Structures are given as structure tokens and as C-alpha cells.
């Protein structure tokens, strides 16, 4: 392919060199003549393992050159990557002046092109930037329509400093956010040789992925550091603890627990978090990440409550109130907390959970429901139908398979609040509301 790359900083220089090394004809574009001259002389404008040799070899072979003339680059290529910086402003927001400037230049170049061109944003941008800034600027300066006269994609990069060349050729995944299928097809061909999952999605989802990845990486580092600090206070080797922790690929290092939904509860997680927080206090340790988990969970409970109350109905039905489907455990169930708050605000409730039957409960669960929440036991009914007959707003509280048919059984005057994504529907005004979707 014939490719132009706007911005010859870290991401741009690595991308230019690696793409040229794969046999593509690459033109780098940068406003700084010094960077342009370095590329044309076969020198790397950045310090990064292996990229110096790659740029030297491909500049010498004629597959890689650079220019300050954006129109020249546009006219000589079919695909443009935007790799300019998006630094932070003092308030934390992104400074998008470089994105705006390059999109203006590309738009002006598009105006003079008779053939279809595809613009790919590789810079890190927050969700909505493509629709609110990139596409409008490209259309304004080109006089053409995105998705029809020219293609638009976003293609976040996952290059780590120090191993960027290796990461380019062996990425954890390749994300293509596409406005139109044809543009996504072009990028898919470009990456078809890579041994990595190729994921095609919409523009906003692709914009969000990079932020989720980096936030997760930062959280993992912070979490491991806090665990290490706590382990040291117990005279335990934190590295050994985390080495064992990471061997669990079913729950710890896996997709388990990484689905947005309602708050956690049960007899283990809240109790264990409080115990660690107490031990940290004893050892005069501040663990801000660990200490923020329970408050964050409480906020999710409040969010669920507000979602129900916003419907404005007096009669509420709750399906599933044990903390997890397939169990009768009510201890620290976040749904119980929601039920109690609704009662306190004067709502009329009916609740059902096939696994929670007072007659069959024993031990701690029986004691809990009879002595701690006896008022809730009076709200329990014998089946789903009894809840549906009563409720104006129906709440799905856990993932019991029996609840999957509930969305199709609602009356026209009933609303559904879903805490667990019992259906793949997305929130729609006045009928269905998912807590995180």
C-alpha cells in the first residue's frame, strides 16, 4: 500500500519504519524540518530499540521518505495515519490542537484527490472525538462526505516504549473502529498477517478501548504495589504472593468479574476488604486503591436505587435477591440493601427468588432473614407471575436463567430495570433500562 503518516514522534516514527519494512511505500509528514531531514537521511528521530536500523534500511531502499508538504503526501498515498500527540491540558482534558491542525491539512488534501482516500486516527482520543471533531473538520475542509467520498477509521496503538517494534509486529490485539466497511477492509488487509485477534467495531468503542487498557494497567500496578506494601508489613514476600496469585488463570487473570453490572456482595468480598483495610490501619499504611473499592461498590448500590426511583412507580417487583444466582446467601446482598431503601421510601414491593425459601433455610441464612430482615420475608411471593402481576417497575436482581423470558412477558405499562444484563437489549427510553448499558 501507499501510506502517509502524519506526525513523526514516537508512534509515527515506529509505525512508519515498521510499515515500510513490511514492503509498503511510506511517506512521513511532520512540520519540523529537522525530523523530515533525519528520516530522509536514514536516521531515527526517536530513541527506540531496532527502529534506527529499520529506518536506515528502508530509507536507503526507497520505501520510506518524509516531507513537510501534507498535500504532496495526500496525493501520493491512499491511506493516511494520524499519529500526532494529544497532551494533557492543565485541567486534565486533552489538548487536541495538533489533531485539529492535521485534520485541516488532510481535509485540504482530500479536496484535490479524485480517488478515494482513507483517514485513520492512531492518536489516543477520548470517545466522541471522531464524531465531534475529526469528521466535521475533514468534511469542512474537503467539501466531501465521510463514509461516502472518503473513509474514516480509528486504530488505537498498543506500543510500549522500549519494546515498540516487537509490539508493532506482535500486538495483543488489533482494533479497527470503522465508519464504513470499505475503510475497515483496507486496514484489515494491512494487518492480516499479524498473529493477533483482529477486532472490528464502531468508532466510539475503539476510542474507548485504549483508555480502558491503560486504566487497567495503571490499576494493576497500583494494586500490586499496595499488596506489596501490606505484605511487607506482615514480613511476607509480596513478589511470591503475586506470583502465586497470577497462576490462577480461571478467576484472577481472566475475564471473570470483568463485566459491568451491579454491586458485589456475599459473605467473602466485603468482609475480606474490610479486614485488609483494618490491618492496613494497624500497620499505619494508606492503601487508597483498596480503600476505595467498598465506597465504589456502595455508589453502585445507590446508582441502582436511583435508576428504580427515576421510573416514578410505587409498585416494584424484584426478581432475584440473593447476592448471586444459584445460591440462597443473603448476607451483604446489595439487592437487599436496595429493597430496604425502597421500603424506607414508601414503595410497595413483591420479591421472588426460587433459591430463598424460609422453610428450607438453615443456619446463618435463616438467622439473617428472620432476625435481621424479617420485614423483607413478608414481601416474598411464590413465583415470577406473582411479581409480574403486582409490579409497575420490574427489577432483575441476579442471573437466574428463569428470568430470561421476563423481558418478553412484560405488559405495555411495565418497565424493566436490569442489573445483570439478562437480555442483550440496550437501554431504551421508557421501557428498558440496564444499569451499565
Protein backbone atom coordinates (compact mmCIF):
# COMPACT_ATOMS: atom_id res chain seq x y z
CA UNK A 1 0.00 0.00 0.00
CA UNK A 2 0.91 3.66 -0.33
CA UNK A 3 0.70 5.14 3.16
CA UNK A 4 1.25 8.61 4.62
CA UNK A 5 1.90 9.07 8.33
CA UNK A 6 1.23 12.45 9.92
CA UNK A 7 3.41 13.04 12.95
CA UNK A 8 6.90 11.58 13.25
CA UNK A 9 7.08 11.36 17.01
CA UNK A 10 7.24 8.09 18.91
CA UNK A 11 4.19 6.32 17.45
CA UNK A 12 4.57 7.84 13.99
CA UNK A 13 8.26 7.02 13.57
CA UNK A 14 7.80 3.42 14.75
CA UNK A 15 4.73 2.95 12.54
CA UNK A 16 6.47 4.47 9.52
CA UNK A 17 9.56 2.34 9.89
CA UNK A 18 7.72 -0.91 10.55
CA UNK A 19 5.20 -0.44 7.73
CA UNK A 20 7.99 0.38 5.27
CA UNK A 21 9.86 -2.68 6.50
CA UNK A 22 6.83 -4.78 5.55
CA UNK A 23 7.12 -3.56 1.98
CA UNK A 24 4.71 -0.63 1.93
CA UNK A 25 5.57 2.74 0.36
CA UNK A 26 5.54 5.19 3.26
CA UNK A 27 5.70 8.99 3.36
CA UNK A 28 6.16 10.61 6.76
CA UNK A 29 4.75 14.10 7.30
CA UNK A 30 5.91 16.48 10.02
CA UNK A 31 6.05 20.30 10.38
CA UNK A 32 9.57 20.11 11.83
CA UNK A 33 12.13 20.13 9.04
CA UNK A 34 14.72 18.54 11.34
CA UNK A 35 12.65 15.35 11.70
CA UNK A 36 11.99 15.25 7.96
CA UNK A 37 15.69 15.62 7.20
CA UNK A 38 16.59 12.87 9.67
CA UNK A 39 14.17 10.39 8.09
CA UNK A 40 15.39 11.24 4.60
CA UNK A 41 18.95 10.74 5.78
CA UNK A 42 18.03 7.34 7.19
CA UNK A 43 18.19 8.44 10.82
CA UNK A 44 15.59 7.86 13.52
CA UNK A 45 14.11 10.95 15.23
CA UNK A 46 13.49 8.87 18.40
CA UNK A 47 15.49 6.52 20.61
CA UNK A 48 13.95 3.06 20.49
CA UNK A 49 15.40 -0.43 20.13
CA UNK A 50 15.82 -1.57 16.49
CA UNK A 51 13.97 1.36 14.90
CA UNK A 52 17.20 3.12 13.88
CA UNK A 53 18.32 0.21 11.71
CA UNK A 54 14.83 -0.24 10.26
CA UNK A 55 14.53 3.41 9.24
CA UNK A 56 18.05 3.45 7.80
CA UNK A 57 17.48 0.33 5.71
CA UNK A 58 14.10 1.38 4.34
CA UNK A 59 15.10 4.96 3.58
CA UNK A 60 18.05 3.58 1.65
CA UNK A 61 15.74 1.14 -0.20
CA UNK A 62 13.39 3.98 -1.18
CA UNK A 63 10.38 2.66 0.71
CA UNK A 64 10.46 5.43 3.33
CA UNK A 65 10.79 9.17 2.93
CA UNK A 66 9.47 12.30 4.67
CA UNK A 67 8.12 15.73 3.78
CA UNK A 68 6.65 18.85 5.35
CA UNK A 69 4.12 19.11 2.48
CA UNK A 70 0.89 17.45 3.58
CA UNK A 71 -0.84 17.83 0.21
CA UNK A 72 2.06 16.14 -1.57
CA UNK A 73 1.78 13.23 0.86
CA UNK A 74 -2.00 13.01 0.44
CA UNK A 75 -1.82 12.98 -3.34
CA UNK A 76 0.85 10.31 -3.32
CA UNK A 77 -0.87 7.85 -0.98
CA UNK A 78 -4.18 6.04 -0.46
CA UNK A 79 -4.17 5.70 3.33
CA UNK A 80 -3.20 8.26 5.98
CA UNK A 81 -2.38 7.55 9.62
CA UNK A 82 -2.62 10.43 12.10
CA UNK A 83 -0.06 9.88 14.88
CA UNK A 84 0.22 13.35 16.43
CA UNK A 85 0.36 13.98 20.18
CA UNK A 86 -2.69 14.61 22.37
CA UNK A 87 -1.09 16.04 25.54
CA UNK A 88 -2.95 16.95 28.72
CA UNK A 89 -4.21 20.44 29.45
CA UNK A 90 -3.86 21.79 32.99
CA UNK A 91 -7.44 20.70 33.80
CA UNK A 92 -6.74 17.13 32.60
CA UNK A 93 -8.62 17.46 29.32
CA UNK A 94 -6.86 16.56 26.07
CA UNK A 95 -5.16 19.27 24.02
CA UNK A 96 -6.43 18.50 20.51
CA UNK A 97 -4.81 21.38 18.63
CA UNK A 98 -2.47 19.04 16.74
CA UNK A 99 -5.35 16.75 15.77
CA UNK A 100 -7.34 19.75 14.55
CA UNK A 101 -4.43 21.16 12.55
CA UNK A 102 -3.62 17.86 10.85
CA UNK A 103 -7.29 17.19 10.04
CA UNK A 104 -7.48 20.61 8.40
CA UNK A 105 -4.41 19.78 6.30
CA UNK A 106 -5.73 16.35 5.37
CA UNK A 107 -9.12 17.85 4.52
CA UNK A 108 -7.46 20.32 2.16
CA UNK A 109 -5.57 17.44 0.55
CA UNK A 110 -8.76 15.42 0.17
CA UNK A 111 -10.30 18.30 -1.75
CA UNK A 112 -7.76 17.79 -4.55
CA UNK A 113 -7.99 13.99 -4.71
CA UNK A 114 -10.01 12.29 -7.42
CA UNK A 115 -9.59 8.83 -5.87
CA UNK A 116 -10.96 7.58 -2.56
CA UNK A 117 -8.70 8.08 0.44
CA UNK A 118 -8.94 6.63 3.95
CA UNK A 119 -8.01 8.60 7.07
CA UNK A 120 -7.02 6.62 10.18
CA UNK A 121 -6.62 8.24 13.59
CA UNK A 122 -3.96 6.38 15.56
CA UNK A 123 -3.55 9.07 18.24
CA UNK A 124 -5.20 8.45 21.60
CA UNK A 125 -8.50 10.36 21.73
CA UNK A 126 -11.48 10.21 24.08
CA UNK A 127 -14.79 8.70 22.91
CA UNK A 128 -16.76 11.04 20.68
CA UNK A 129 -13.73 12.89 19.27
CA UNK A 130 -14.10 11.24 15.86
CA UNK A 131 -17.74 12.29 15.52
CA UNK A 132 -17.47 15.71 17.16
CA UNK A 133 -14.11 16.98 15.87
CA UNK A 134 -12.28 14.77 13.37
CA UNK A 135 -15.07 14.04 10.90
CA UNK A 136 -16.60 17.58 10.91
CA UNK A 137 -13.17 19.16 10.25
CA UNK A 138 -12.35 16.70 7.47
CA UNK A 139 -15.72 17.35 5.83
CA UNK A 140 -15.49 21.12 6.22
CA UNK A 141 -12.03 21.44 4.67
CA UNK A 142 -12.55 18.83 1.95
CA UNK A 143 -16.10 19.66 0.93
CA UNK A 144 -16.70 15.90 0.86
CA UNK A 145 -18.71 13.43 2.94
CA UNK A 146 -17.11 10.96 5.33
CA UNK A 147 -18.00 7.35 4.73
CA UNK A 148 -19.02 8.12 1.15
CA UNK A 149 -16.35 10.24 -0.55
CA UNK A 150 -13.56 9.24 1.82
CA UNK A 151 -13.08 6.65 4.53
CA UNK A 152 -12.60 7.17 8.26
CA UNK A 153 -11.27 4.74 10.87
CA UNK A 154 -9.66 4.84 14.27
CA UNK A 155 -6.89 2.38 15.05
CA UNK A 156 -5.50 2.71 18.61
CA UNK A 157 -1.92 1.58 19.11
CA UNK A 158 -0.51 -0.60 21.88
CA UNK A 159 3.18 0.24 21.64
CA UNK A 160 5.27 0.20 24.82
CA UNK A 161 8.39 2.28 24.94
CA UNK A 162 11.44 0.04 24.82
CA UNK A 163 9.61 -2.78 23.01
CA UNK A 164 7.64 -0.82 20.40
CA UNK A 165 8.98 -2.65 17.33
CA UNK A 166 8.21 -6.03 18.90
CA UNK A 167 4.77 -4.76 19.94
CA UNK A 168 4.06 -3.48 16.42
CA UNK A 169 4.65 -6.93 14.94
CA UNK A 170 3.15 -8.88 17.86
CA UNK A 171 0.33 -6.77 19.31
CA UNK A 172 -2.02 -8.15 21.97
CA UNK A 173 -4.88 -7.31 19.61
CA UNK A 174 -5.64 -5.10 16.61
CA UNK A 175 -8.63 -2.77 16.97
CA UNK A 176 -10.28 -1.24 13.92
CA UNK A 177 -13.01 1.29 14.61
CA UNK A 178 -14.72 1.88 11.29
CA UNK A 179 -17.26 4.35 9.99
CA UNK A 180 -17.71 2.38 6.77
CA UNK A 181 -16.97 -1.21 5.84
CA UNK A 182 -14.68 -0.42 2.88
CA UNK A 183 -12.23 1.53 5.03
CA UNK A 184 -12.20 -1.18 7.66
CA UNK A 185 -11.49 -3.72 4.92
CA UNK A 186 -8.41 -1.77 3.84
CA UNK A 187 -6.99 -1.75 7.37
CA UNK A 188 -7.87 -5.41 7.88
CA UNK A 189 -5.78 -6.31 4.84
CA UNK A 190 -2.89 -4.23 6.18
CA UNK A 191 -2.88 -6.23 9.42
CA UNK A 192 -3.98 -9.62 8.05
CA UNK A 193 -0.53 -11.19 8.50
CA UNK A 194 -0.35 -10.48 12.25
CA UNK A 195 -0.85 -13.33 14.70
CA UNK A 196 -3.24 -11.40 16.93
CA UNK A 197 -7.02 -11.07 17.33
CA UNK A 198 -8.43 -8.63 14.76
CA UNK A 199 -11.44 -6.83 16.21
CA UNK A 200 -13.66 -4.57 14.11
CA UNK A 201 -16.08 -2.30 15.91
CA UNK A 202 -17.61 1.19 15.82
CA UNK A 203 -15.60 4.39 16.22
CA UNK A 204 -16.60 5.25 19.79
CA UNK A 205 -15.94 1.77 21.14
CA UNK A 206 -12.48 1.75 19.53
CA UNK A 207 -11.74 5.17 21.03
CA UNK A 208 -12.66 3.89 24.49
CA UNK A 209 -10.61 0.67 24.37
CA UNK A 210 -7.23 2.39 24.72
CA UNK A 211 -8.37 4.22 27.85
CA UNK A 212 -9.75 1.05 29.40
CA UNK A 213 -6.48 -0.76 28.68
CA UNK A 214 -4.28 1.95 30.16
CA UNK A 215 -6.52 2.45 33.21
CA UNK A 216 -6.44 -1.29 33.85
CA UNK A 217 -2.65 -1.39 33.53
CA UNK A 218 -2.31 1.52 35.94
CA UNK A 219 -4.76 -0.11 38.36
CA UNK A 220 -2.83 -3.40 38.26
CA UNK A 221 0.43 -1.63 39.06
CA UNK A 222 -1.15 0.34 41.90
CA UNK A 223 -2.92 -2.75 43.24
CA UNK A 224 0.26 -4.83 43.17
CA UNK A 225 2.16 -2.05 44.94
CA UNK A 226 -0.44 -1.81 47.70
CA UNK A 227 -0.44 -5.59 48.16
CA UNK A 228 3.36 -5.48 48.29
CA UNK A 229 3.31 -2.75 50.94
CA UNK A 230 0.84 -4.71 53.04
CA UNK A 231 2.82 -7.94 52.61
CA UNK A 232 6.00 -6.21 53.76
CA UNK A 233 4.26 -5.09 56.94
CA UNK A 234 3.49 -8.79 57.61
CA UNK A 235 7.09 -9.76 56.71
CA UNK A 236 5.79 -11.65 53.65
CA UNK A 237 7.45 -11.61 50.22
CA UNK A 238 4.99 -9.66 48.06
CA UNK A 239 6.57 -11.00 44.85
CA UNK A 240 5.94 -14.56 45.95
CA UNK A 241 2.33 -13.74 46.85
CA UNK A 242 1.66 -12.12 43.45
CA UNK A 243 3.49 -14.93 41.62
CA UNK A 244 1.04 -17.41 43.14
CA UNK A 245 -1.89 -15.04 42.56
CA UNK A 246 -1.09 -14.80 38.83
CA UNK A 247 -1.09 -18.59 38.40
CA UNK A 248 -4.88 -18.56 38.73
CA UNK A 249 -5.99 -18.07 35.11
CA UNK A 250 -9.62 -19.01 35.76
CA UNK A 251 -10.56 -16.17 38.10
CA UNK A 252 -7.64 -13.82 38.82
CA UNK A 253 -6.07 -13.30 35.38
CA UNK A 254 -9.11 -13.84 33.21
CA UNK A 255 -12.38 -12.20 32.03
CA UNK A 256 -14.03 -13.37 35.27
CA UNK A 257 -15.59 -10.46 37.22
CA UNK A 258 -14.85 -8.01 34.39
CA UNK A 259 -18.42 -7.44 33.19
CA UNK A 260 -20.16 -4.15 34.09
CA UNK A 261 -23.20 -4.70 36.28
CA UNK A 262 -24.48 -4.29 39.80
CA UNK A 263 -22.57 -4.19 43.08
CA UNK A 264 -20.83 -7.21 44.59
CA UNK A 265 -21.90 -8.77 47.88
CA UNK A 266 -21.85 -12.10 49.70
CA UNK A 267 -20.00 -13.46 52.68
CA UNK A 268 -16.46 -13.03 51.33
CA UNK A 269 -15.60 -9.94 49.32
CA UNK A 270 -16.95 -7.18 51.62
CA UNK A 271 -15.68 -8.92 54.76
CA UNK A 272 -12.20 -9.54 53.37
CA UNK A 273 -11.82 -6.00 52.09
CA UNK A 274 -12.75 -4.59 55.49
CA UNK A 275 -10.29 -6.93 57.20
CA UNK A 276 -7.43 -5.80 54.95
CA UNK A 277 -8.36 -2.15 55.45
CA UNK A 278 -8.25 -2.68 59.22
CA UNK A 279 -4.88 -4.41 59.04
CA UNK A 280 -3.55 -1.51 56.97
CA UNK A 281 -4.59 0.90 59.72
CA UNK A 282 -2.85 -1.22 62.34
CA UNK A 283 0.36 -1.03 60.31
CA UNK A 284 -0.04 2.71 59.59
CA UNK A 285 -0.41 2.06 55.86
CA UNK A 286 -2.50 4.06 53.42
CA UNK A 287 -3.99 1.89 50.68
CA UNK A 288 -6.08 4.30 48.59
CA UNK A 289 -6.98 1.77 45.89
CA UNK A 290 -8.03 -0.94 48.30
CA UNK A 291 -9.83 1.58 50.50
CA UNK A 292 -11.83 2.94 47.57
CA UNK A 293 -13.30 -0.42 46.46
CA UNK A 294 -16.09 -0.60 49.04
CA UNK A 295 -17.12 3.07 48.62
CA UNK A 296 -17.20 2.49 44.85
CA UNK A 297 -19.41 -0.56 45.43
CA UNK A 298 -21.74 1.48 47.64
CA UNK A 299 -22.06 4.08 44.90
CA UNK A 300 -23.20 1.33 42.52
CA UNK A 301 -25.91 0.36 45.01
CA UNK A 302 -27.05 3.99 45.14
CA UNK A 303 -27.00 4.14 41.34
CA UNK A 304 -29.24 1.08 41.11
CA UNK A 305 -31.66 2.55 43.65
CA UNK A 306 -31.86 5.83 41.77
CA UNK A 307 -32.46 4.01 38.49
CA UNK A 308 -35.56 2.38 40.01
CA UNK A 309 -36.84 5.53 41.68
CA UNK A 310 -36.45 7.57 38.49
CA UNK A 311 -39.22 5.46 36.94
CA UNK A 312 -41.69 7.13 39.30
CA UNK A 313 -43.65 3.97 40.17
CA UNK A 314 -44.97 2.94 43.58
CA UNK A 315 -45.31 -0.80 42.95
CA UNK A 316 -41.94 -2.52 42.50
CA UNK A 317 -41.17 -6.17 41.80
CA UNK A 318 -37.74 -7.68 42.40
CA UNK A 319 -36.73 -10.97 40.78
CA UNK A 320 -33.65 -12.45 42.43
CA UNK A 321 -32.42 -11.02 45.72
CA UNK A 322 -29.72 -13.44 46.86
CA UNK A 323 -26.33 -11.90 46.13
CA UNK A 324 -25.76 -14.32 43.22
CA UNK A 325 -27.91 -16.70 41.18
CA UNK A 326 -27.82 -20.33 42.29
CA UNK A 327 -27.33 -19.53 45.97
CA UNK A 328 -29.58 -18.72 48.95
CA UNK A 329 -26.95 -16.48 50.55
CA UNK A 330 -28.44 -13.13 51.53
CA UNK A 331 -25.51 -11.85 53.59
CA UNK A 332 -24.48 -8.42 52.35
CA UNK A 333 -26.59 -8.88 49.22
CA UNK A 334 -26.66 -5.46 47.53
CA UNK A 335 -30.20 -6.18 46.31
CA UNK A 336 -31.36 -6.48 49.92
CA UNK A 337 -29.91 -3.03 50.55
CA UNK A 338 -31.90 -1.64 47.59
CA UNK A 339 -35.08 -3.35 48.81
CA UNK A 340 -34.70 -1.88 52.30
CA UNK A 341 -34.14 1.62 50.94
CA UNK A 342 -37.18 1.33 48.68
CA UNK A 343 -39.29 0.23 51.65
CA UNK A 344 -38.00 3.17 53.63
CA UNK A 345 -39.17 5.50 50.90
CA UNK A 346 -42.68 4.05 50.93
CA UNK A 347 -42.67 1.74 47.92
CA UNK A 348 -44.92 -1.31 47.69
CA UNK A 349 -42.76 -4.38 46.90
CA UNK A 350 -43.10 -8.02 45.94
CA UNK A 351 -39.95 -10.13 45.69
CA UNK A 352 -39.14 -13.61 44.43
CA UNK A 353 -36.08 -15.86 44.45
CA UNK A 354 -36.59 -19.60 43.97
CA UNK A 355 -33.44 -20.34 45.99
CA UNK A 356 -34.62 -18.38 49.05
CA UNK A 357 -37.34 -20.27 50.89
CA UNK A 358 -37.71 -19.61 54.60
CA UNK A 359 -38.88 -23.15 55.24
CA UNK A 360 -35.72 -24.66 53.83
CA UNK A 361 -33.21 -22.09 55.05
CA UNK A 362 -30.87 -23.18 57.82
CA UNK A 363 -28.02 -21.73 59.86
CA UNK A 364 -26.72 -18.24 59.16
CA UNK A 365 -29.09 -17.57 56.26
CA UNK A 366 -32.19 -18.47 58.27
CA UNK A 367 -31.00 -16.38 61.20
CA UNK A 368 -30.24 -13.48 58.89
CA UNK A 369 -33.65 -13.35 57.21
CA UNK A 370 -35.72 -13.99 60.36
CA UNK A 371 -33.81 -11.77 62.77
CA UNK A 372 -32.09 -9.13 60.63
CA UNK A 373 -34.61 -8.56 57.84
CA UNK A 374 -37.95 -10.08 58.98
CA UNK A 375 -39.88 -7.30 57.25
CA UNK A 376 -38.45 -8.45 53.91
CA UNK A 377 -39.62 -12.04 54.40
CA UNK A 378 -43.20 -10.77 54.38
CA UNK A 379 -42.71 -9.43 50.85
CA UNK A 380 -41.72 -12.80 49.38
CA UNK A 381 -44.08 -14.42 46.87
CA UNK A 382 -44.10 -17.91 45.36
CA UNK A 383 -43.35 -17.35 41.68
CA UNK A 384 -42.40 -14.92 38.91
CA UNK A 385 -46.02 -14.44 37.86
CA UNK A 386 -46.96 -13.02 41.26
CA UNK A 387 -44.22 -10.40 40.91
CA UNK A 388 -45.27 -9.51 37.37
CA UNK A 389 -48.94 -9.15 38.35
CA UNK A 390 -48.02 -6.67 41.08
CA UNK A 391 -45.22 -4.55 39.66
CA UNK A 392 -45.17 -1.42 37.56
CA UNK A 393 -41.36 -1.50 37.56
CA UNK A 394 -39.72 -4.93 37.46
CA UNK A 395 -36.12 -5.29 38.67
CA UNK A 396 -33.89 -8.21 37.64
CA UNK A 397 -31.52 -8.72 40.57
CA UNK A 398 -29.49 -11.79 39.63
CA UNK A 399 -28.74 -14.03 36.66
CA UNK A 400 -31.23 -16.83 37.35
CA UNK A 401 -31.92 -18.50 33.95
CA UNK A 402 -35.66 -18.44 34.71
CA UNK A 403 -35.63 -14.66 34.37
CA UNK A 404 -34.51 -14.65 30.72
CA UNK A 405 -38.07 -14.74 29.45
CA UNK A 406 -39.21 -11.84 31.64
CA UNK A 407 -38.49 -9.05 29.10
CA UNK A 408 -40.89 -10.66 26.61
CA UNK A 409 -43.57 -11.17 29.28
CA UNK A 410 -43.96 -7.54 30.36
CA UNK A 411 -47.21 -5.66 29.91
CA UNK A 412 -47.23 -2.45 27.91
CA UNK A 413 -47.49 -0.44 31.13
CA UNK A 414 -44.49 -2.12 32.79
CA UNK A 415 -40.83 -1.05 32.82
CA UNK A 416 -37.78 -3.23 33.34
CA UNK A 417 -34.64 -2.31 35.28
CA UNK A 418 -31.90 -4.85 34.60
CA UNK A 419 -28.94 -5.17 36.99
CA UNK A 420 -27.34 -8.20 35.33
CA UNK A 421 -27.92 -7.89 31.54
CA UNK A 422 -30.45 -10.70 31.39
CA UNK A 423 -31.03 -9.61 27.78
CA UNK A 424 -28.75 -8.14 25.13
CA UNK A 425 -31.02 -5.14 24.70
CA UNK A 426 -29.66 -1.68 25.37
CA UNK A 427 -31.42 0.96 27.42
CA UNK A 428 -34.41 2.43 25.64
CA UNK A 429 -36.39 5.39 26.89
CA UNK A 430 -39.42 4.43 28.93
CA UNK A 431 -39.27 0.63 28.61
CA UNK A 432 -35.93 -0.98 29.46
CA UNK A 433 -33.02 0.32 31.50
CA UNK A 434 -29.72 -1.50 32.02
CA UNK A 435 -27.57 -0.27 34.89
CA UNK A 436 -24.35 -0.02 32.85
CA UNK A 437 -25.52 -0.31 29.25
